[in-house]
Amino acid sequence: MESVFSVRMQKKKNIALIAHDNRKQDLLEWVRFNKDILLKHKLYGTGTTGGLISEKTGLDVFRFKSGPLGGDQQIGSKIVEGKIDFVIFFWDPMEAQPHDVDVKALLRIAVVYNIPIACNRSTADFLITSYLMEKDYTRQLIDYSKRIMTGK
């Protein structure tokens, strides 16, 4: 059995906002609706999505590269470093993406690091309105290193 350790998530969350092309308007509408909540947190986004949100809402969004140019991997890297706490990713389940492997890797990393991740509006609504958004929160992480080292 793997050991578990804790990671503290501060009251002010570091939230990544990502959307595939066919879902950008949906995410923008969601961000507008939740702007007052999002103002309390630090926002990150992939290139085009982050730019669109910043331009249309006035929110400050740190921008990584566009998803197909490595932005999804950059966000995954920040999750590993403990610098992203939360992901809202409106992905398009009906269209193949040129960077599908990057999307799958990002989703996998979010699960490995026990990051809350919403891939649709309903889940995003439940997460953003959780009372835990206003509090420090301790995530429990499984230490997979023993399994990796022993192959078991």
Foldseek 3Di string as FASTA:
>chain_A
DFDKDKDKAFLAAEEEEAEDPVCLVVSLVLCQVCVVLNLSHAAEYEDPSQVVNCVPPVHDYHYDHHVVVCRLVVVLVCLVVVNHQAYEYQYDPPDDDPVVVSVVSSVVSCVQSVHHYHHDDVSVVVVSPDPCSRGIDMDMHTDCVVCVVVVD
